Protein backbone atom coordinates (compact mmCIF):
# COMPACT_ATOMS: atom_id res chain seq x y z
CA MET A 1 101.61 122.93 88.57
CA THR A 2 101.12 123.60 84.87
CA PRO A 3 100.67 120.77 82.36
CA ASN A 4 104.19 121.41 81.04
CA GLU A 5 105.66 121.30 84.55
CA LEU A 6 103.87 118.01 85.22
CA LYS A 7 105.15 116.63 81.92
CA THR A 8 108.72 117.60 82.80
CA LEU A 9 108.47 116.09 86.29
CA THR A 10 106.93 112.91 84.91
CA ALA A 11 109.76 112.58 82.38
CA ALA A 12 112.37 112.99 85.14
CA VAL A 13 110.76 110.32 87.35
CA GLN A 14 110.36 107.99 84.37
CA TYR A 15 114.02 108.47 83.46
CA ASN A 16 115.02 107.25 86.93
CA CYS A 17 112.65 104.31 86.49
CA HIS A 18 114.43 103.44 83.26
CA VAL A 19 117.82 103.61 84.97
CA SER A 20 116.59 101.27 87.70
CA ASP A 21 115.13 98.85 85.16
CA ALA A 22 118.36 98.95 83.13
CA ARG A 23 120.28 97.80 86.20
CA HIS A 24 117.81 95.17 87.37
CA GLY A 25 115.91 93.90 84.31
CA GLY A 26 117.91 90.67 84.48
CA ASP A 27 116.70 89.88 88.02
CA TYR A 28 113.72 87.91 86.70
CA SER A 29 113.41 84.53 85.06
CA LEU A 30 112.70 84.76 81.34
CA CYS A 31 109.05 83.78 81.75
CA VAL A 32 108.36 86.33 84.50
CA TYR A 33 110.32 89.01 82.63
CA LEU A 34 108.31 88.59 79.43
CA MET A 35 105.01 88.63 81.32
CA LYS A 36 105.97 91.79 83.18
CA MET A 37 107.17 93.48 80.00
CA ARG A 38 103.92 92.60 78.26
CA GLU A 39 101.89 94.25 81.00
CA TYR A 40 104.32 97.18 81.15
CA TYR A 41 103.60 97.70 77.44
CA ARG A 42 99.86 97.55 78.15
CA TRP A 43 100.24 100.19 80.89
CA GLU A 44 102.40 102.48 78.77
CA GLN A 45 100.08 102.26 75.76
CA LYS A 46 97.01 102.72 78.01
CA LEU A 47 95.38 99.57 76.66
CA PRO A 48 92.46 97.97 78.54
CA TYR A 49 92.84 94.66 80.33
CA GLY A 50 91.91 91.77 78.13
CA ALA A 51 92.61 93.69 74.92
CA PRO A 52 94.59 91.54 72.46
CA LEU A 53 98.20 92.65 72.08
CA GLY A 54 99.76 92.67 68.64
CA LYS A 55 102.79 90.37 68.59
CA ASP A 56 104.78 92.59 66.22
CA ALA A 57 103.93 95.79 68.10
CA VAL A 58 104.97 94.30 71.44
CA GLY A 59 108.11 92.83 69.91
CA ASP A 60 109.18 96.15 68.39
CA TRP A 61 108.50 97.96 71.65
CA LEU A 62 110.42 95.35 73.65
CA GLN A 63 113.45 95.65 71.36
CA ALA A 64 113.41 99.44 71.58
CA ARG A 65 113.05 99.36 75.38
CA GLU A 66 115.95 96.96 75.81
CA GLN A 67 118.11 99.16 73.57
CA LEU A 68 117.20 102.14 75.74
CA TRP A 69 118.16 100.24 78.88
CA GLU A 70 121.48 99.15 77.40
CA GLY A 71 122.48 102.80 77.20
CA LEU A 72 121.44 103.50 80.80
CA GLU A 73 123.09 100.64 82.74
CA ASP A 74 125.85 102.93 84.02
CA ALA A 75 123.81 106.14 84.13
CA ASP A 76 123.26 108.09 87.34
CA LEU A 77 119.85 108.85 88.79
CA ARG A 78 118.73 112.42 88.20
CA PRO A 79 117.51 114.90 90.80
CA LEU A 80 113.89 116.02 90.53
CA SER A 81 113.29 119.72 89.96
CA ILE A 82 110.11 121.22 91.44
CA ARG A 83 109.51 124.97 91.24
CA GLY A 84 113.18 125.69 90.76
CA ARG A 85 114.46 123.47 93.58
CA ASP A 86 116.29 120.19 93.04
CA TYR A 87 115.51 117.15 95.21
CA ASP A 88 117.36 113.89 95.69
CA PRO A 89 115.12 111.23 94.08
CA PHE A 90 115.13 109.23 97.34
CA ASP A 91 113.95 112.19 99.45
CA ALA A 92 110.28 111.25 99.15
CA ASP A 93 109.22 113.15 102.28
CA ALA A 94 110.53 116.49 101.01
CA ILE A 95 109.18 115.88 97.52
CA ASN A 96 105.70 115.05 98.83
CA ASP A 97 105.76 118.15 101.03
CA SER A 98 106.43 120.14 97.88
CA LEU A 99 103.69 118.34 95.93
CA GLY A 100 101.13 118.55 98.73
CA GLU A 101 98.96 121.16 97.03
CA GLU A 102 99.32 119.70 93.55
CA GLY A 103 97.20 116.58 93.97
CA LEU A 104 100.25 114.39 93.32
CA VAL A 105 102.10 111.69 95.27
CA TYR A 106 105.64 110.43 94.81
CA SER A 107 107.46 107.46 96.26
CA SER A 108 110.96 106.03 96.17
CA GLY A 109 112.56 103.09 97.94
CA LEU A 110 114.46 99.84 97.63
CA GLY A 111 112.76 96.52 97.01
CA ASN A 112 113.99 92.96 96.44
CA ARG A 113 117.64 92.75 95.38
CA ALA A 114 117.96 96.41 96.40
CA LYS A 115 116.14 97.48 93.24
CA PRO A 116 115.14 101.16 93.40
CA HIS A 117 111.43 101.79 92.87
CA PHE A 118 110.00 105.15 91.85
CA PHE A 119 106.53 106.29 90.94
CA LEU A 120 104.59 109.50 90.44
CA GLY A 121 100.82 109.34 90.60
CA ARG A 122 97.60 111.20 91.20
CA LEU A 123 96.86 111.54 94.90
CA GLU A 124 93.52 109.97 95.76
CA GLN A 125 93.71 110.29 99.52
CA ARG A 126 96.09 111.24 102.31
CA VAL A 127 95.17 110.20 105.84
CA SER A 128 96.84 109.68 109.21
CA ARG A 129 96.77 106.22 110.80
CA ALA A 130 98.37 105.81 114.22
CA ASN A 131 101.87 107.27 113.75
CA CYS A 132 101.87 106.95 109.95
CA THR A 133 100.82 109.05 107.01
CA VAL A 134 99.03 106.94 104.40
CA TYR A 135 99.14 108.05 100.76
CA VAL A 136 96.74 106.39 98.34
CA ALA A 137 97.62 106.88 94.67
CA ALA A 138 95.11 106.48 91.86
CA GLY A 139 96.40 106.64 88.28
CA GLU A 140 100.17 106.66 87.77
CA TYR A 141 102.14 108.98 85.51
CA ALA A 142 105.53 107.26 85.91
CA ARG A 143 106.56 103.81 87.19
CA ASP A 144 109.19 101.13 86.81
CA LEU A 145 108.85 97.54 85.67
CA ALA A 146 108.08 95.99 89.06
CA ALA A 147 105.60 98.57 90.45
CA PRO A 148 104.99 97.19 94.00
CA PRO A 149 101.39 97.99 95.05
CA ALA A 150 102.36 98.95 98.62
CA MET A 151 105.47 100.10 100.45
CA THR A 152 106.38 101.52 103.85
CA LEU A 153 109.10 104.17 104.00
CA GLY A 154 109.82 105.53 107.45
CA ASP A 155 106.56 106.95 108.79
CA SER A 156 104.86 106.93 105.37
CA ILE A 157 102.79 104.18 103.77
CA PHE A 158 102.18 104.27 100.02
CA LEU A 159 99.30 102.36 98.46
CA ARG A 160 99.07 102.26 94.67
CA ARG A 161 95.57 101.45 93.46
CA GLU A 162 96.48 101.15 89.78
CA SER A 163 99.48 98.93 90.49
CA LEU A 164 97.41 96.70 92.78
CA ARG A 165 94.70 96.38 90.15
CA ARG A 166 97.28 95.49 87.52
CA MET A 167 98.95 92.96 89.83
CA LEU A 168 95.58 91.25 90.37
CA TRP A 169 95.08 91.13 86.61
CA GLU A 170 98.53 89.59 86.10
CA LYS A 171 97.85 86.93 88.72
CA LEU A 172 94.47 86.18 87.16
CA GLU A 173 96.06 85.78 83.72
CA SER A 174 98.74 83.46 85.13
CA TRP A 175 96.19 81.37 87.03
CA ARG A 176 94.03 81.00 83.91
CA TRP A 177 96.78 79.11 82.08
CA ASN A 178 96.00 75.90 84.00
CA ARG A 179 93.24 76.96 86.43
CA PRO A 180 94.56 74.89 89.37
CA ASP A 181 92.35 74.26 92.38
CA ASN A 182 94.30 76.39 94.84
CA ALA A 183 93.79 79.31 97.21
CA LEU A 184 94.32 81.87 94.45
CA GLY A 185 91.70 80.22 92.27
CA ARG A 186 89.26 80.18 95.18
CA ALA A 187 89.83 83.90 95.66
CA PHE A 188 89.13 84.63 91.99
CA ALA A 189 86.01 82.44 92.14
CA CYS A 190 84.53 84.92 94.63
CA TYR A 191 84.23 87.48 91.80
CA ASP A 192 82.55 87.32 88.40
CA PHE A 193 85.63 87.78 86.23
CA ASP A 194 84.17 85.92 83.26
CA ALA A 195 81.08 88.14 82.91
CA ASP A 196 82.40 91.47 84.23
CA LEU A 197 86.18 91.75 84.16
CA GLU A 198 86.40 95.44 84.99
CA GLY A 199 83.77 95.28 87.74
CA ALA A 200 85.40 92.24 89.30
CA LEU A 201 88.82 93.89 89.23
CA ASP A 202 87.38 97.00 90.88
CA ALA A 203 85.71 94.97 93.63
CA MET A 204 88.80 92.88 94.31
CA THR A 205 91.03 95.96 94.31
CA ASP A 206 88.79 97.74 96.81
CA ARG A 207 88.96 94.77 99.16
CA GLU A 208 92.67 94.06 98.77
CA ILE A 209 93.85 97.65 99.10
CA ASP A 210 92.46 97.59 102.64
CA ASN A 211 94.37 94.37 103.33
CA ALA A 212 97.53 95.82 101.79
CA LEU A 213 97.24 98.64 104.31
CA LEU A 214 97.01 96.08 107.13
CA HIS A 215 100.26 94.49 105.97
CA GLU A 216 102.05 97.85 105.72
CA GLN A 217 100.86 98.81 109.20
CA GLY A 218 102.36 95.54 110.35
CA GLU A 219 105.57 96.41 108.48
CA TYR A 220 105.75 99.67 110.37
CA GLU A 221 105.34 97.88 113.72
CA ALA A 222 107.86 95.22 112.72
CA GLY A 223 110.35 97.94 111.87
CA ARG A 224 110.00 99.41 115.34
CA LEU A 225 110.49 96.02 116.99
CA LEU A 226 113.43 94.92 114.85
CA ASP A 227 115.24 98.26 114.38
CA ASP A 228 114.83 99.27 110.75
CA ALA A 229 118.36 100.60 110.34
CA ALA A 230 119.97 97.38 111.56
CA TRP A 231 117.58 95.26 109.50
CA ASN A 232 118.25 97.20 106.30
CA ALA A 233 122.01 96.94 106.92
CA MET A 234 121.63 93.17 107.18
CA LEU A 235 119.62 92.99 103.95
CA ALA A 236 122.26 95.07 102.17
CA ASP A 237 124.90 92.51 103.13
CA VAL A 238 122.95 89.55 101.73
CA VAL A 239 121.22 91.23 98.76
CA GLY A 240 120.43 88.93 95.87
CA THR A 241 120.91 85.73 97.89
CA PRO A 242 118.57 83.10 99.41
CA ALA A 243 119.31 84.72 102.79
CA GLU A 244 117.64 87.93 101.57
CA LEU A 245 114.55 85.97 100.58
CA ALA A 246 114.47 84.23 103.95
CA ALA A 247 114.94 87.46 105.90
CA ARG A 248 112.19 89.22 103.95
CA ALA A 249 109.87 86.26 104.54
CA VAL A 250 110.54 86.34 108.29
CA ARG A 251 109.76 90.04 108.50
CA ASP A 252 106.65 89.68 106.34
CA HIS A 253 105.39 86.91 108.60
CA LEU A 254 106.03 89.05 111.66
CA ALA A 255 104.19 91.99 110.10
CA ASP A 256 101.19 89.82 109.27
CA ALA A 257 101.15 88.09 112.65
CA LEU A 258 101.04 91.53 114.29
CA VAL A 259 98.22 93.02 112.21
CA THR A 260 96.96 91.24 109.08
CA LEU A 261 96.21 87.71 110.29
CA PRO A 262 94.40 88.71 113.50
CA ARG A 263 92.20 91.09 111.50
CA LEU A 264 91.45 88.58 108.75
CA ALA A 265 90.60 85.94 111.36
CA GLU A 266 88.31 88.39 113.12
CA GLN A 267 86.51 89.39 109.93
CA ALA A 268 86.32 85.84 108.51
CA ASP A 269 86.27 87.37 105.02
CA ALA A 270 86.55 84.36 102.70
CA PRO A 271 87.75 86.17 99.53
CA ALA A 272 90.43 88.00 101.51
CA LEU A 273 91.59 84.85 103.32
CA HIS A 274 91.82 82.88 100.08
CA PHE A 275 93.82 85.63 98.40
CA TYR A 276 96.10 86.12 101.39
CA VAL A 277 97.17 82.47 101.35
CA GLY A 278 97.20 82.29 97.56
CA ASN A 279 99.50 85.31 97.38
CA LEU A 280 102.21 83.84 99.65
CA ASN A 281 105.48 83.28 97.82
CA ASN A 282 107.35 79.98 98.01
CA MET A 283 109.77 81.08 100.72
CA ARG A 284 106.96 82.29 102.97
CA LYS A 285 105.11 78.98 102.57
CA HIS A 286 108.32 77.04 103.16
CA LEU A 287 109.04 78.82 106.45
CA PHE A 288 105.44 78.80 107.75
CA PRO A 289 103.73 75.47 106.91
CA GLY A 290 101.56 75.92 110.01
CA LEU A 291 99.79 78.80 108.28
CA THR A 292 98.70 76.57 105.40
CA THR A 293 97.54 73.97 107.91
CA ALA A 294 95.45 76.60 109.73
CA TYR A 295 94.01 77.79 106.41
CA ASP A 296 93.02 74.25 105.46
CA ALA A 297 91.38 73.78 108.87
CA TRP A 298 89.33 76.97 108.36
CA ARG A 299 88.38 75.95 104.82
CA THR A 300 87.22 72.55 106.03
CA GLY A 301 85.46 73.51 109.24
CA GLY A 302 84.71 77.24 108.82
CA ASP A 303 86.34 78.20 112.12
CA THR A 304 88.97 80.96 111.97
CA GLU A 305 90.30 80.13 115.44
CA PRO A 306 93.27 78.14 114.00
CA LEU A 307 94.28 81.25 112.04
CA ALA A 308 94.01 83.47 115.10
CA SER A 309 96.01 80.94 117.10
CA VAL A 310 98.81 80.65 114.55
CA ALA A 311 98.99 84.45 114.40
CA GLU A 312 99.37 84.65 118.18
CA THR A 313 102.11 82.02 118.15
CA GLY A 314 103.74 83.70 115.17
CA ARG A 315 104.08 87.08 116.85
CA THR A 316 106.51 85.70 119.41
CA HIS A 317 108.19 83.25 117.07
CA TRP A 318 108.97 85.59 114.15
CA LEU A 319 110.08 88.42 116.41
CA ALA A 320 112.52 86.13 118.21
CA LEU A 321 113.79 84.73 114.91
CA GLY A 322 114.21 88.18 113.41
CA ARG A 323 116.19 89.35 116.42
CA GLU A 324 118.35 86.24 116.29
CA MET A 325 119.11 86.94 112.63
CA LEU A 326 120.12 90.49 113.52
CA ALA A 327 122.36 89.21 116.31
CA ARG A 328 124.04 86.73 113.95
CA HIS A 329 124.60 89.51 111.43
CA GLN A 330 126.05 91.89 113.98
CA ALA A 331 128.31 89.23 115.48
CA GLY A 332 129.48 87.92 112.11
CA ALA A 333 128.67 84.43 110.89
CA ALA A 334 130.86 81.51 111.89
CA GLY A 335 133.39 80.87 109.14
CA GLY A 336 132.28 84.04 107.36
CA ASP A 337 129.27 82.34 105.71
CA LEU A 338 126.64 84.94 106.62
CA VAL A 339 124.33 83.91 103.78
CA GLY A 340 124.34 80.23 104.71
CA ASP A 341 124.05 80.99 108.41
CA LEU A 342 121.01 83.25 108.07
CA ARG A 343 119.22 81.00 105.62
CA GLY A 344 119.95 77.91 107.70
CA LEU A 345 118.72 79.64 110.85
CA ALA A 346 115.44 80.62 109.20
CA GLU A 347 114.83 77.14 107.79
CA ALA A 348 115.66 75.50 111.11
CA ARG A 349 112.99 77.66 112.77
CA ALA A 350 110.17 76.97 110.35
CA LEU A 351 106.83 77.19 112.14
């Protein structure tokens, strides 16, 4: 692929990212939105982490970006043209087959609130794991505002090193506001961020990209056990509601009980365990208080057996709960309140 062809493809992917952001930019609270936009500006301008950002420059860029999005709220996604052939932007398998010899990797999928995610990056590695193809992306040419570091799509797992590194930086910046004594702070304390920011980010990224792969392998197994098509249909019917958050938390817990937690317990890797617990969102902690209890027991006594035990219990529990949620969805909620029924079911089965 020539430099001009890469530039054209990058522009097409970035256009679709803009369309997605135009539709979903309002999904975040104001504080989270401004933080994400600040780091999006840093990525786009290729500024190093920790570099001071000019208030006026960021403000002008933010205003221009929001004006761009205003004109794209009703726009259609564009096909991607590669060597004279047009591809649907969600046909990631066909696009990656076409890019296989170009040293590039592309991904597309739906995240929280059914937000489309797209990215085009430099392919660092492509390997086979069990029944999956794992793509590891290095630098990214095009991305949207959210930029999830890992995603499973069918039989493909996409890991985004640059997005993971940036996510870790964002979490570090947020934690530094008050520096609470929590699991996330304990994870950061395992690295020398104050003396060597770039080196610490590299080390933490190397460790956590392996753990991100564990979670995505668990996602793949969870999809087989829960029937991906039925699960995605259920999510589509509750998108943007507390029931979506609960359902995603249940599946994430199942995925981790299948793969991530047993491996972390086996390895007894303190930085990884601290970050794993520190990275849990509020819904996941709300539905699985036993995990925090097991973490506290390990932190106090040094024995990972409570974590291994809660993972073993969780495999059966979260699978049964996920299947019950699917059954409720397929049968139709009593009184037509699917959202309340699914959320109530998940909260009643907290572990």
